[in-house]
PDB file of N, CA and C in Angstrom:
ATOM      1  N   MET A   1     111.058  68.923  84.378  1.00  0.00           N
ATOM      2  CA  MET A   1     110.787  70.230  84.915  1.00  0.00           C
ATOM      3  C   MET A   1     109.346  70.601  84.586  1.00  0.00           C
ATOM      4  N   ASN A   2     108.669  71.148  85.549  1.00  0.00           N
ATOM      5  CA  ASN A   2     107.247  71.400  85.400  1.00  0.00           C
ATOM      6  C   ASN A   2     106.959  72.901  85.259  1.00  0.00           C
ATOM      7  N   ASN A   3     107.640  73.544  84.330  1.00  0.00           N
ATOM      8  CA  ASN A   3     107.387  74.965  84.079  1.00  0.00           C
ATOM      9  C   ASN A   3     106.406  75.097  82.942  1.00  0.00           C
ATOM     10  N   GLU A   4     105.234  75.565  83.264  1.00  0.00           N
ATOM     11  CA  GLU A   4     104.226  75.748  82.243  1.00  0.00           C
ATOM     12  C   GLU A   4     104.056  77.229  81.977  1.00  0.00           C
ATOM     13  N   PHE A   5     104.902  77.748  81.101  1.00  0.00           N
ATOM     14  CA  PHE A   5     104.795  79.145  80.718  1.00  0.00           C
ATOM     15  C   PHE A   5     103.830  79.267  79.555  1.00  0.00           C
ATOM     16  N   SER A   6     102.983  80.284  79.612  1.00  0.00           N
ATOM     17  CA  SER A   6     102.071  80.534  78.500  1.00  0.00           C
ATOM     18  C   SER A   6     102.876  81.122  77.345  1.00  0.00           C
ATOM     19  N   GLU A   7     102.281  81.122  76.168  1.00  0.00           N
ATOM     20  CA  GLU A   7     102.948  81.696  74.997  1.00  0.00           C
ATOM     21  C   GLU A   7     103.232  83.186  75.212  1.00  0.00           C
ATOM     22  N   GLU A   8     102.300  83.887  75.841  1.00  0.00           N
ATOM     23  CA  GLU A   8     102.492  85.308  76.125  1.00  0.00           C
ATOM     24  C   GLU A   8     103.668  85.523  77.074  1.00  0.00           C
ATOM     25  N   GLU A   9     103.772  84.670  78.098  1.00  0.00           N
ATOM     26  CA  GLU A   9     104.886  84.776  79.042  1.00  0.00           C
ATOM     27  C   GLU A   9     106.218  84.515  78.337  1.00  0.00           C
ATOM     28  N   LYS A  10     106.247  83.513  77.467  1.00  0.00           N
ATOM     29  CA  LYS A  10     107.476  83.196  76.743  1.00  0.00           C
ATOM     30  C   LYS A  10     107.935  84.384  75.901  1.00  0.00           C
ATOM     31  N   ILE A  11     106.997  85.032  75.239  1.00  0.00           N
ATOM     32  CA  ILE A  11     107.328  86.200  74.411  1.00  0.00           C
ATOM     33  C   ILE A  11     107.837  87.336  75.290  1.00  0.00           C
ATOM     34  N   LYS A  12     107.147  87.580  76.393  1.00  0.00           N
ATOM     35  CA  LYS A  12     107.546  88.645  77.322  1.00  0.00           C
ATOM     36  C   LYS A  12     108.939  88.364  77.883  1.00  0.00           C
ATOM     37  N   TYR A  13     109.195  87.130  78.279  1.00  0.00           N
ATOM     38  CA  TYR A  13     110.490  86.769  78.866  1.00  0.00           C
ATOM     39  C   TYR A  13     111.604  86.854  77.828  1.00  0.00           C
ATOM     40  N   PHE A  14     111.315  86.440  76.604  1.00  0.00           N
ATOM     41  CA  PHE A  14     112.319  86.533  75.552  1.00  0.00           C
ATOM     42  C   PHE A  14     112.673  87.991  75.277  1.00  0.00           C
ATOM     43  N   ASP A  15     111.658  88.856  75.266  1.00  0.00           N
ATOM     44  CA  ASP A  15     111.905  90.283  75.065  1.00  0.00           C
ATOM     45  C   ASP A  15     112.794  90.846  76.162  1.00  0.00           C
ATOM     46  N   GLU A  16     112.582  90.373  77.387  1.00  0.00           N
ATOM     47  CA  GLU A  16     113.399  90.838  78.507  1.00  0.00           C
ATOM     48  C   GLU A  16     114.853  90.371  78.367  1.00  0.00           C
ATOM     49  N   ILE A  17     115.027  89.156  77.879  1.00  0.00           N
ATOM     50  CA  ILE A  17     116.383  88.632  77.635  1.00  0.00           C
ATOM     51  C   ILE A  17     117.045  89.434  76.515  1.00  0.00           C
ATOM     52  N   CYS A  18     116.313  89.702  75.455  1.00  0.00           N
ATOM     53  CA  CYS A  18     116.855  90.486  74.336  1.00  0.00           C
ATOM     54  C   CYS A  18     117.283  91.872  74.801  1.00  0.00           C
ATOM     55  N   GLU A  19     116.542  92.424  75.732  1.00  0.00           N
ATOM     56  CA  GLU A  19     116.871  93.737  76.282  1.00  0.00           C
ATOM     57  C   GLU A  19     118.268  93.736  76.909  1.00  0.00           C
ATOM     58  N   LYS A  20     118.660  92.603  77.473  1.00  0.00           N
ATOM     59  CA  LYS A  20     119.980  92.473  78.101  1.00  0.00           C
ATOM     60  C   LYS A  20     121.107  92.365  77.074  1.00  0.00           C
ATOM     61  N   TYR A  21     120.779  92.023  75.837  1.00  0.00           N
ATOM     62  CA  TYR A  21     121.811  91.742  74.839  1.00  0.00           C
ATOM     63  C   TYR A  21     121.882  92.715  73.666  1.00  0.00           C
ATOM     64  N   TYR A  22     120.774  93.262  73.246  1.00  0.00           N
ATOM     65  CA  TYR A  22     120.756  93.970  71.970  1.00  0.00           C
ATOM     66  C   TYR A  22     120.638  95.477  72.069  1.00  0.00           C
ATOM     67  N   ARG A  23     120.892  96.091  73.171  1.00  0.00           N
ATOM     68  CA  ARG A  23     120.854  97.549  73.308  1.00  0.00           C
ATOM     69  C   ARG A  23     122.273  98.066  73.579  1.00  0.00           C
ATOM     70  N   LYS A  24     123.144  97.815  72.634  1.00  0.00           N
ATOM     71  CA  LYS A  24     124.553  98.212  72.730  1.00  0.00           C
ATOM     72  C   LYS A  24     125.236  97.642  73.968  1.00  0.00           C
ATOM     73  N   ASN A  25     124.831  96.450  74.346  1.00  0.00           N
ATOM     74  CA  ASN A  25     125.460  95.807  75.494  1.00  0.00           C
ATOM     75  C   ASN A  25     125.613  94.306  75.274  1.00  0.00           C
ATOM     76  N   PHE A  26     125.834  93.911  74.027  1.00  0.00           N
ATOM     77  CA  PHE A  26     125.956  92.497  73.700  1.00  0.00           C
ATOM     78  C   PHE A  26     127.111  91.869  74.473  1.00  0.00           C
ATOM     79  N   SER A  27     126.857  90.779  75.118  1.00  0.00           N
ATOM     80  CA  SER A  27     127.787  89.970  75.915  1.00  0.00           C
ATOM     81  C   SER A  27     128.350  90.697  77.135  1.00  0.00           C
ATOM     82  N   LEU A  28     127.738  91.803  77.553  1.00  0.00           N
ATOM     83  CA  LEU A  28     128.166  92.471  78.779  1.00  0.00           C
ATOM     84  C   LEU A  28     127.439  91.936  80.006  1.00  0.00           C
ATOM     85  N   THR A  29     126.344  91.210  79.789  1.00  0.00           N
ATOM     86  CA  THR A  29     125.601  90.630  80.889  1.00  0.00           C
ATOM     87  C   THR A  29     126.384  89.449  81.459  1.00  0.00           C
ATOM     88  N   SER A  30     126.599  89.465  82.766  1.00  0.00           N
ATOM     89  CA  SER A  30     127.347  88.379  83.394  1.00  0.00           C
ATOM     90  C   SER A  30     126.461  87.147  83.563  1.00  0.00           C
ATOM     91  N   LYS A  31     127.104  86.032  83.807  1.00  0.00           N
ATOM     92  CA  LYS A  31     126.358  84.784  84.013  1.00  0.00           C
ATOM     93  C   LYS A  31     125.453  84.903  85.232  1.00  0.00           C
ATOM     94  N   SER A  32     125.942  85.529  86.292  1.00  0.00           N
ATOM     95  CA  SER A  32     125.123  85.650  87.504  1.00  0.00           C
ATOM     96  C   SER A  32     123.893  86.534  87.257  1.00  0.00           C
ATOM     97  N   GLU A  33     124.037  87.583  86.427  1.00  0.00           N
ATOM     98  CA  GLU A  33     122.882  88.418  86.082  1.00  0.00           C
ATOM     99  C   GLU A  33     121.860  87.612  85.278  1.00  0.00           C
ATOM    100  N   MET A  34     122.369  86.804  84.352  1.00  0.00           N
ATOM    101  CA  MET A  34     121.476  85.980  83.530  1.00  0.00           C
ATOM    102  C   MET A  34     120.792  84.910  84.387  1.00  0.00           C
ATOM    103  N   ASP A  35     121.543  84.311  85.307  1.00  0.00           N
ATOM    104  CA  ASP A  35     120.961  83.328  86.227  1.00  0.00           C
ATOM    105  C   ASP A  35     119.838  83.957  87.047  1.00  0.00           C
ATOM    106  N   LEU A  36     120.073  85.174  87.525  1.00  0.00           N
ATOM    107  CA  LEU A  36     119.071  85.860  88.328  1.00  0.00           C
ATOM    108  C   LEU A  36     117.816  86.160  87.506  1.00  0.00           C
ATOM    109  N   LEU A  37     118.004  86.578  86.274  1.00  0.00           N
ATOM    110  CA  LEU A  37     116.856  86.848  85.403  1.00  0.00           C
ATOM    111  C   LEU A  37     116.054  85.571  85.144  1.00  0.00           C
ATOM    112  N   MET A  38     116.752  84.472  84.866  1.00  0.00           N
ATOM    113  CA  MET A  38     116.063  83.201  84.636  1.00  0.00           C
ATOM    114  C   MET A  38     115.359  82.720  85.910  1.00  0.00           C
ATOM    115  N   PHE A  39     115.985  82.952  87.067  1.00  0.00           N
ATOM    116  CA  PHE A  39     115.341  82.594  88.339  1.00  0.00           C
ATOM    117  C   PHE A  39     114.085  83.418  88.543  1.00  0.00           C
ATOM    118  N   LYS A  40     114.139  84.694  88.162  1.00  0.00           N
ATOM    119  CA  LYS A  40     112.960  85.567  88.282  1.00  0.00           C
ATOM    120  C   LYS A  40     111.780  84.981  87.511  1.00  0.00           C
ATOM    121  N   PHE A  41     112.022  84.564  86.269  1.00  0.00           N
ATOM    122  CA  PHE A  41     110.945  83.975  85.461  1.00  0.00           C
ATOM    123  C   PHE A  41     110.405  82.720  86.132  1.00  0.00           C
ATOM    124  N   PHE A  42     111.304  81.869  86.574  1.00  0.00           N
ATOM    125  CA  PHE A  42     110.957  80.599  87.224  1.00  0.00           C
ATOM    126  C   PHE A  42     110.158  80.852  88.498  1.00  0.00           C
ATOM    127  N   TYR A  43     110.633  81.790  89.327  1.00  0.00           N
ATOM    128  CA  TYR A  43     110.017  82.049  90.619  1.00  0.00           C
ATOM    129  C   TYR A  43     108.644  82.702  90.468  1.00  0.00           C
ATOM    130  N   GLN A  44     108.496  83.602  89.508  1.00  0.00           N
ATOM    131  CA  GLN A  44     107.183  84.218  89.265  1.00  0.00           C
ATOM    132  C   GLN A  44     106.156  83.161  88.891  1.00  0.00           C
ATOM    133  N   ASN A  45     106.589  82.174  88.106  1.00  0.00           N
ATOM    134  CA  ASN A  45     105.702  81.077  87.734  1.00  0.00           C
ATOM    135  C   ASN A  45     105.275  80.289  88.975  1.00  0.00           C
ATOM    136  N   LYS A  46     106.208  80.070  89.889  1.00  0.00           N
ATOM    137  CA  LYS A  46     105.900  79.336  91.123  1.00  0.00           C
ATOM    138  C   LYS A  46     104.957  80.139  92.018  1.00  0.00           C
ATOM    139  N   LEU A  47     105.141  81.452  92.069  1.00  0.00           N
ATOM    140  CA  LEU A  47     104.251  82.271  92.891  1.00  0.00           C
ATOM    141  C   LEU A  47     102.823  82.250  92.353  1.00  0.00           C
ATOM    142  N   LYS A  48     102.669  82.182  91.039  1.00  0.00           N
ATOM    143  CA  LYS A  48     101.327  82.059  90.455  1.00  0.00           C
ATOM    144  C   LYS A  48     100.684  80.752  90.888  1.00  0.00           C
ATOM    145  N   ARG A  49     101.470  79.679  90.896  1.00  0.00           N
ATOM    146  CA  ARG A  49     100.947  78.382  91.333  1.00  0.00           C
ATOM    147  C   ARG A  49     100.578  78.423  92.809  1.00  0.00           C
ATOM    148  N   LYS A  50     101.354  79.159  93.607  1.00  0.00           N
ATOM    149  CA  LYS A  50     101.061  79.275  95.034  1.00  0.00           C
ATOM    150  C   LYS A  50      99.735  79.988  95.244  1.00  0.00           C
ATOM    151  N   LYS A  51      99.514  81.064  94.471  1.00  0.00           N
ATOM    152  CA  LYS A  51      98.263  81.813  94.587  1.00  0.00           C
ATOM    153  C   LYS A  51      97.054  80.966  94.203  1.00  0.00           C
ATOM    154  N   SER A  52      97.264  80.001  93.303  1.00  0.00           N
ATOM    155  CA  SER A  52      96.145  79.168  92.871  1.00  0.00           C
ATOM    156  C   SER A  52      95.956  77.948  93.779  1.00  0.00           C
ATOM    157  N   GLY A  53      96.643  77.920  94.937  1.00  0.00           N
ATOM    158  CA  GLY A  53      96.353  76.876  95.916  1.00  0.00           C
ATOM    159  C   GLY A  53      97.485  75.924  96.250  1.00  0.00           C
ATOM    160  N   ASP A  54      98.576  75.939  95.508  1.00  0.00           N
ATOM    161  CA  ASP A  54      99.705  75.052  95.794  1.00  0.00           C
ATOM    162  C   ASP A  54     100.605  75.744  96.820  1.00  0.00           C
ATOM    163  N   PHE A  55     100.306  75.553  98.121  1.00  0.00           N
ATOM    164  CA  PHE A  55     100.953  76.292  99.205  1.00  0.00           C
ATOM    165  C   PHE A  55     102.471  76.157  99.208  1.00  0.00           C
ATOM    166  N   ASN A  56     103.006  74.987  98.870  1.00  0.00           N
ATOM    167  CA  ASN A  56     104.447  74.738  98.919  1.00  0.00           C
ATOM    168  C   ASN A  56     105.163  75.011  97.602  1.00  0.00           C
ATOM    169  N   ALA A  57     104.513  75.642  96.663  1.00  0.00           N
ATOM    170  CA  ALA A  57     105.098  75.838  95.333  1.00  0.00           C
ATOM    171  C   ALA A  57     106.402  76.614  95.371  1.00  0.00           C
ATOM    172  N   ASP A  58     106.596  77.461  96.383  1.00  0.00           N
ATOM    173  CA  ASP A  58     107.813  78.277  96.439  1.00  0.00           C
ATOM    174  C   ASP A  58     108.750  77.880  97.581  1.00  0.00           C
ATOM    175  N   SER A  59     108.611  76.666  98.100  1.00  0.00           N
ATOM    176  CA  SER A  59     109.482  76.249  99.205  1.00  0.00           C
ATOM    177  C   SER A  59     110.919  76.100  98.715  1.00  0.00           C
ATOM    178  N   ASP A  60     111.854  76.497  99.566  1.00  0.00           N
ATOM    179  CA  ASP A  60     113.274  76.419  99.212  1.00  0.00           C
ATOM    180  C   ASP A  60     113.660  74.992  98.856  1.00  0.00           C
ATOM    181  N   TYR A  61     113.129  74.029  99.607  1.00  0.00           N
ATOM    182  CA  TYR A  61     113.475  72.622  99.382  1.00  0.00           C
ATOM    183  C   TYR A  61     113.032  72.153  98.000  1.00  0.00           C
ATOM    184  N   LEU A  62     111.764  72.408  97.662  1.00  0.00           N
ATOM    185  CA  LEU A  62     111.253  71.952  96.363  1.00  0.00           C
ATOM    186  C   LEU A  62     111.921  72.674  95.197  1.00  0.00           C
ATOM    187  N   LEU A  63     112.166  73.970  95.353  1.00  0.00           N
ATOM    188  CA  LEU A  63     112.847  74.713  94.293  1.00  0.00           C
ATOM    189  C   LEU A  63     114.273  74.219  94.119  1.00  0.00           C
ATOM    190  N   SER A  64     114.953  73.918  95.229  1.00  0.00           N
ATOM    191  CA  SER A  64     116.337  73.435  95.128  1.00  0.00           C
ATOM    192  C   SER A  64     116.394  72.080  94.433  1.00  0.00           C
ATOM    193  N   LYS A  65     115.416  71.221  94.724  1.00  0.00           N
ATOM    194  CA  LYS A  65     115.376  69.916  94.048  1.00  0.00           C
ATOM    195  C   LYS A  65     115.129  70.080  92.552  1.00  0.00           C
ATOM    196  N   GLU A  66     114.217  70.968  92.206  1.00  0.00           N
ATOM    197  CA  GLU A  66     113.862  71.157  90.800  1.00  0.00           C
ATOM    198  C   GLU A  66     114.998  71.804  90.005  1.00  0.00           C
ATOM    199  N   LEU A  67     115.708  72.738  90.632  1.00  0.00           N
ATOM    200  CA  LEU A  67     116.784  73.443  89.934  1.00  0.00           C
ATOM    201  C   LEU A  67     118.141  72.749  90.056  1.00  0.00           C
ATOM    202  N   GLY A  68     118.254  71.843  91.020  1.00  0.00           N
ATOM    203  CA  GLY A  68     119.523  71.145  91.213  1.00  0.00           C
ATOM    204  C   GLY A  68     120.576  72.001  91.896  1.00  0.00           C
ATOM    205  N   ILE A  69     120.138  72.892  92.792  1.00  0.00           N
ATOM    206  CA  ILE A  69     121.048  73.727  93.562  1.00  0.00           C
ATOM    207  C   ILE A  69     120.685  73.602  95.043  1.00  0.00           C
ATOM    208  N   THR A  70     121.512  74.162  95.913  1.00  0.00           N
ATOM    209  CA  THR A  70     121.249  74.041  97.351  1.00  0.00           C
ATOM    210  C   THR A  70     120.113  74.966  97.787  1.00  0.00           C
ATOM    211  N   GLN A  71     119.529  74.632  98.935  1.00  0.00           N
ATOM    212  CA  GLN A  71     118.459  75.462  99.483  1.00  0.00           C
ATOM    213  C   GLN A  71     118.975  76.853  99.845  1.00  0.00           C
ATOM    214  N   SER A  72     120.197  76.935 100.328  1.00  0.00           N
ATOM    215  CA  SER A  72     120.747  78.254 100.671  1.00  0.00           C
ATOM    216  C   SER A  72     120.934  79.105  99.419  1.00  0.00           C
ATOM    217  N   ARG A  73     121.284  78.478  98.303  1.00  0.00           N
ATOM    218  CA  ARG A  73     121.414  79.216  97.031  1.00  0.00           C
ATOM    219  C   ARG A  73     120.050  79.736  96.590  1.00  0.00           C
ATOM    220  N   VAL A  74     119.004  78.922  96.758  1.00  0.00           N
ATOM    221  CA  VAL A  74     117.637  79.347  96.420  1.00  0.00           C
ATOM    222  C   VAL A  74     117.250  80.545  97.275  1.00  0.00           C
ATOM    223  N   ARG A  75     117.523  80.468  98.573  1.00  0.00           N
ATOM    224  CA  ARG A  75     117.173  81.559  99.486  1.00  0.00           C
ATOM    225  C   ARG A  75     117.912  82.846  99.090  1.00  0.00           C
ATOM    226  N   ASN A  76     119.190  82.718  98.746  1.00  0.00           N
ATOM    227  CA  ASN A  76     119.963  83.888  98.320  1.00  0.00           C
ATOM    228  C   ASN A  76     119.421  84.472  97.013  1.00  0.00           C
ATOM    229  N   LEU A  77     119.006  83.603  96.099  1.00  0.00           N
ATOM    230  CA  LEU A  77     118.432  84.078  94.837  1.00  0.00           C
ATOM    231  C   LEU A  77     117.110  84.806  95.072  1.00  0.00           C
ATOM    232  N   LYS A  78     116.311  84.316  96.026  1.00  0.00           N
ATOM    233  CA  LYS A  78     115.044  84.979  96.346  1.00  0.00           C
ATOM    234  C   LYS A  78     115.304  86.399  96.852  1.00  0.00           C
ATOM    235  N   ILE A  79     116.284  86.539  97.722  1.00  0.00           N
ATOM    236  CA  ILE A  79     116.605  87.851  98.286  1.00  0.00           C
ATOM    237  C   ILE A  79     117.139  88.771  97.204  1.00  0.00           C
ATOM    238  N   LYS A  80     118.071  88.272  96.415  1.00  0.00           N
ATOM    239  CA  LYS A  80     118.675  89.091  95.358  1.00  0.00           C
ATOM    240  C   LYS A  80     117.648  89.471  94.299  1.00  0.00           C
ATOM    241  N   LYS A  81     116.756  88.532  93.962  1.00  0.00           N
ATOM    242  CA  LYS A  81     115.707  88.814  92.980  1.00  0.00           C
ATOM    243  C   LYS A  81     114.824  89.957  93.454  1.00  0.00           C
ATOM    244  N   GLU A  82     114.492  89.951  94.729  1.00  0.00           N
ATOM    245  CA  GLU A  82     113.626  91.004  95.259  1.00  0.00           C
ATOM    246  C   GLU A  82     114.334  92.358  95.269  1.00  0.00           C
ATOM    247  N   LEU A  83     115.629  92.356  95.456  1.00  0.00           N
ATOM    248  CA  LEU A  83     116.379  93.616  95.434  1.00  0.00           C
ATOM    249  C   LEU A  83     116.506  94.183  94.019  1.00  0.00           C
ATOM    250  N   VAL A  84     116.757  93.307  93.048  1.00  0.00           N
ATOM    251  CA  VAL A  84     116.976  93.755  91.669  1.00  0.00           C
ATOM    252  C   VAL A  84     115.666  93.891  90.903  1.00  0.00           C
ATOM    253  N   TYR A  85     114.765  92.925  91.086  1.00  0.00           N
ATOM    254  CA  TYR A  85     113.471  92.917  90.387  1.00  0.00           C
ATOM    255  C   TYR A  85     112.346  92.834  91.426  1.00  0.00           C
ATOM    256  N   PRO A  86     112.047  93.918  92.121  1.00  0.00           N
ATOM    257  CA  PRO A  86     111.022  93.849  93.182  1.00  0.00           C
ATOM    258  C   PRO A  86     109.634  93.515  92.638  1.00  0.00           C
ATOM    259  N   GLU A  87     108.910  92.733  93.416  1.00  0.00           N
ATOM    260  CA  GLU A  87     107.528  92.371  93.073  1.00  0.00           C
ATOM    261  C   GLU A  87     106.672  93.624  93.195  1.00  0.00           C
ATOM    262  N   GLN A  88     105.946  93.956  92.147  1.00  0.00           N
ATOM    263  CA  GLN A  88     105.151  95.183  92.129  1.00  0.00           C
ATOM    264  C   GLN A  88     103.919  95.092  93.031  1.00  0.00           C
ATOM    265  N   ASN A  89     103.259  93.955  93.017  1.00  0.00           N
ATOM    266  CA  ASN A  89     101.995  93.813  93.749  1.00  0.00           C
ATOM    267  C   ASN A  89     102.158  92.972  95.005  1.00  0.00           C
ATOM    268  N   TYR A  90     103.292  93.087  95.666  1.00  0.00           N
ATOM    269  CA  TYR A  90     103.556  92.276  96.852  1.00  0.00           C
ATOM    270  C   TYR A  90     102.899  92.924  98.064  1.00  0.00           C
ATOM    271  N   ASP A  91     101.960  92.224  98.665  1.00  0.00           N
ATOM    272  CA  ASP A  91     101.248  92.732  99.832  1.00  0.00           C
ATOM    273  C   ASP A  91     101.768  92.000 101.064  1.00  0.00           C
ATOM    274  N   TRP A  92     102.745  92.588 101.747  1.00  0.00           N
ATOM    275  CA  TRP A  92     103.370  91.922 102.879  1.00  0.00           C
ATOM    276  C   TRP A  92     102.391  91.735 104.035  1.00  0.00           C
ATOM    277  N   LYS A  93     101.400  92.618 104.143  1.00  0.00           N
ATOM    278  CA  LYS A  93     100.413  92.474 105.220  1.00  0.00           C
ATOM    279  C   LYS A  93      99.574  91.217 105.013  1.00  0.00           C
ATOM    280  N   GLU A  94      99.146  91.012 103.781  1.00  0.00           N
ATOM    281  CA  GLU A  94      98.356  89.815 103.459  1.00  0.00           C
ATOM    282  C   GLU A  94      99.185  88.550 103.659  1.00  0.00           C
ATOM    283  N   GLN A  95     100.448  88.595 103.228  1.00  0.00           N
ATOM    284  CA  GLN A  95     101.331  87.441 103.394  1.00  0.00           C
ATOM    285  C   GLN A  95     101.523  87.108 104.871  1.00  0.00           C
ATOM    286  N   SER A  96     101.663  88.122 105.699  1.00  0.00           N
ATOM    287  CA  SER A  96     101.827  87.908 107.143  1.00  0.00           C
ATOM    288  C   SER A  96     100.567  87.317 107.749  1.00  0.00           C
ATOM    289  N   LEU A  97      99.427  87.827 107.344  1.00  0.00           N
ATOM    290  CA  LEU A  97      98.158  87.302 107.864  1.00  0.00           C
ATOM    291  C   LEU A  97      97.943  85.842 107.481  1.00  0.00           C
ATOM    292  N   ASN A  98      98.396  85.460 106.303  1.00  0.00           N
ATOM    293  CA  ASN A  98      98.260  84.069 105.868  1.00  0.00           C
ATOM    294  C   ASN A  98      99.068  83.119 106.745  1.00  0.00           C
ATOM    295  N   LEU A  99     100.131  83.601 107.349  1.00  0.00           N
ATOM    296  CA  LEU A  99     100.986  82.755 108.183  1.00  0.00           C
ATOM    297  C   LEU A  99     100.479  82.617 109.620  1.00  0.00           C
ATOM    298  N   ILE A 100      99.592  83.493 110.038  1.00  0.00           N
ATOM    299  CA  ILE A 100      99.110  83.465 111.423  1.00  0.00           C
ATOM    300  C   ILE A 100      98.421  82.152 111.765  1.00  0.00           C
ATOM    301  N   SER A 101      97.740  81.558 110.816  1.00  0.00           N
ATOM    302  CA  SER A 101      97.041  80.297 111.104  1.00  0.00           C
ATOM    303  C   SER A 101      98.014  79.165 111.449  1.00  0.00           C
ATOM    304  N   PHE A 102      99.300  79.322 111.111  1.00  0.00           N
ATOM    305  CA  PHE A 102     100.303  78.306 111.429  1.00  0.00           C
ATOM    306  C   PHE A 102     101.089  78.637 112.700  1.00  0.00           C
ATOM    307  N   ALA A 103     100.788  79.763 113.324  1.00  0.00           N
ATOM    308  CA  ALA A 103     101.495  80.174 114.538  1.00  0.00           C
ATOM    309  C   ALA A 103     101.113  79.278 115.708  1.00  0.00           C
ATOM    310  N   GLN A 104     102.038  79.151 116.654  1.00  0.00           N
ATOM    311  CA  GLN A 104     101.805  78.339 117.847  1.00  0.00           C
ATOM    312  C   GLN A 104     102.082  79.189 119.079  1.00  0.00           C
ATOM    313  N   TYR A 105     101.315  78.914 120.130  1.00  0.00           N
ATOM    314  CA  TYR A 105     101.498  79.640 121.375  1.00  0.00           C
ATOM    315  C   TYR A 105     102.171  78.724 122.386  1.00  0.00           C
ATOM    316  N   ASP A 106     103.280  79.202 122.959  1.00  0.00           N
ATOM    317  CA  ASP A 106     103.998  78.454 123.982  1.00  0.00           C
ATOM    318  C   ASP A 106     103.567  78.995 125.338  1.00  0.00           C
ATOM    319  N   GLU A 107     102.826  78.158 126.095  1.00  0.00           N
ATOM    320  CA  GLU A 107     102.276  78.626 127.370  1.00  0.00           C
ATOM    321  C   GLU A 107     103.350  78.846 128.424  1.00  0.00           C
ATOM    322  N   GLN A 108     104.425  78.099 128.372  1.00  0.00           N
ATOM    323  CA  GLN A 108     105.483  78.258 129.369  1.00  0.00           C
ATOM    324  C   GLN A 108     106.199  79.595 129.220  1.00  0.00           C
ATOM    325  N   THR A 109     106.568  79.938 128.016  1.00  0.00           N
ATOM    326  CA  THR A 109     107.289  81.192 127.791  1.00  0.00           C
ATOM    327  C   THR A 109     106.350  82.350 127.480  1.00  0.00           C
ATOM    328  N   ARG A 110     105.079  82.015 127.245  1.00  0.00           N
ATOM    329  CA  ARG A 110     104.049  82.992 126.910  1.00  0.00           C
ATOM    330  C   ARG A 110     104.418  83.780 125.655  1.00  0.00           C
ATOM    331  N   LYS A 111     104.949  83.029 124.677  1.00  0.00           N
ATOM    332  CA  LYS A 111     105.342  83.637 123.406  1.00  0.00           C
ATOM    333  C   LYS A 111     104.620  82.944 122.259  1.00  0.00           C
ATOM    334  N   ILE A 112     104.411  83.706 121.225  1.00  0.00           N
ATOM    335  CA  ILE A 112     103.846  83.152 119.994  1.00  0.00           C
ATOM    336  C   ILE A 112     105.003  82.841 119.062  1.00  0.00           C
ATOM    337  N   ILE A 113     105.020  81.613 118.550  1.00  0.00           N
ATOM    338  CA  ILE A 113     106.071  81.173 117.641  1.00  0.00           C
ATOM    339  C   ILE A 113     105.483  81.088 116.246  1.00  0.00           C
ATOM    340  N   MET A 114     106.107  81.810 115.313  1.00  0.00           N
ATOM    341  CA  MET A 114     105.594  81.831 113.950  1.00  0.00           C
ATOM    342  C   MET A 114     106.755  81.675 112.981  1.00  0.00           C
ATOM    343  N   ASN A 115     106.690  80.675 112.136  1.00  0.00           N
ATOM    344  CA  ASN A 115     107.710  80.467 111.109  1.00  0.00           C
ATOM    345  C   ASN A 115     107.406  81.371 109.924  1.00  0.00           C
ATOM    346  N   ILE A 116     108.419  82.106 109.484  1.00  0.00           N
ATOM    347  CA  ILE A 116     108.272  82.983 108.309  1.00  0.00           C
ATOM    348  C   ILE A 116     109.232  82.459 107.256  1.00  0.00           C
ATOM    349  N   PRO A 117     108.750  81.628 106.317  1.00  0.00           N
ATOM    350  CA  PRO A 117     109.631  81.004 105.351  1.00  0.00           C
ATOM    351  C   PRO A 117     110.164  81.924 104.262  1.00  0.00           C
ATOM    352  N   ASP A 118     109.499  83.036 104.003  1.00  0.00           N
ATOM    353  CA  ASP A 118     109.930  83.952 102.949  1.00  0.00           C
ATOM    354  C   ASP A 118     110.944  84.942 103.520  1.00  0.00           C
ATOM    355  N   PRO A 119     112.197  84.905 103.060  1.00  0.00           N
ATOM    356  CA  PRO A 119     113.216  85.807 103.609  1.00  0.00           C
ATOM    357  C   PRO A 119     112.930  87.281 103.337  1.00  0.00           C
ATOM    358  N   ASN A 120     112.137  87.579 102.341  1.00  0.00           N
ATOM    359  CA  ASN A 120     111.815  88.960 102.012  1.00  0.00           C
ATOM    360  C   ASN A 120     110.670  89.513 102.866  1.00  0.00           C
ATOM    361  N   LEU A 121     109.935  88.646 103.500  1.00  0.00           N
ATOM    362  CA  LEU A 121     108.824  89.072 104.338  1.00  0.00           C
ATOM    363  C   LEU A 121     109.365  89.561 105.658  1.00  0.00           C
TER     364      LEU A 121
END
């Protein structure tokens, strides 16, 4: 697994996990909630790699291979993560503009075809 978390990130993430357990709610966190929190940490790391030039860092296929789960499960986790832990600095306009360079024009139907891989976009 190629997760390179900094020491600061590890401390921050551990504090977030402790928050789920030690505020008069020990063992009340479900496995699915814990899975979602761990996915959040993992996915944020991948988004940082994407910003630094690794365009496919957050692809459903690559994430599913790395985590050992199906692509549909990855897609569902992405959607659920955004609902529970929304990205604070998410600029959907910029994300949309980045995809325009991959759009194709179909002259027969006179339509522009654009793949939007991020389900939250």
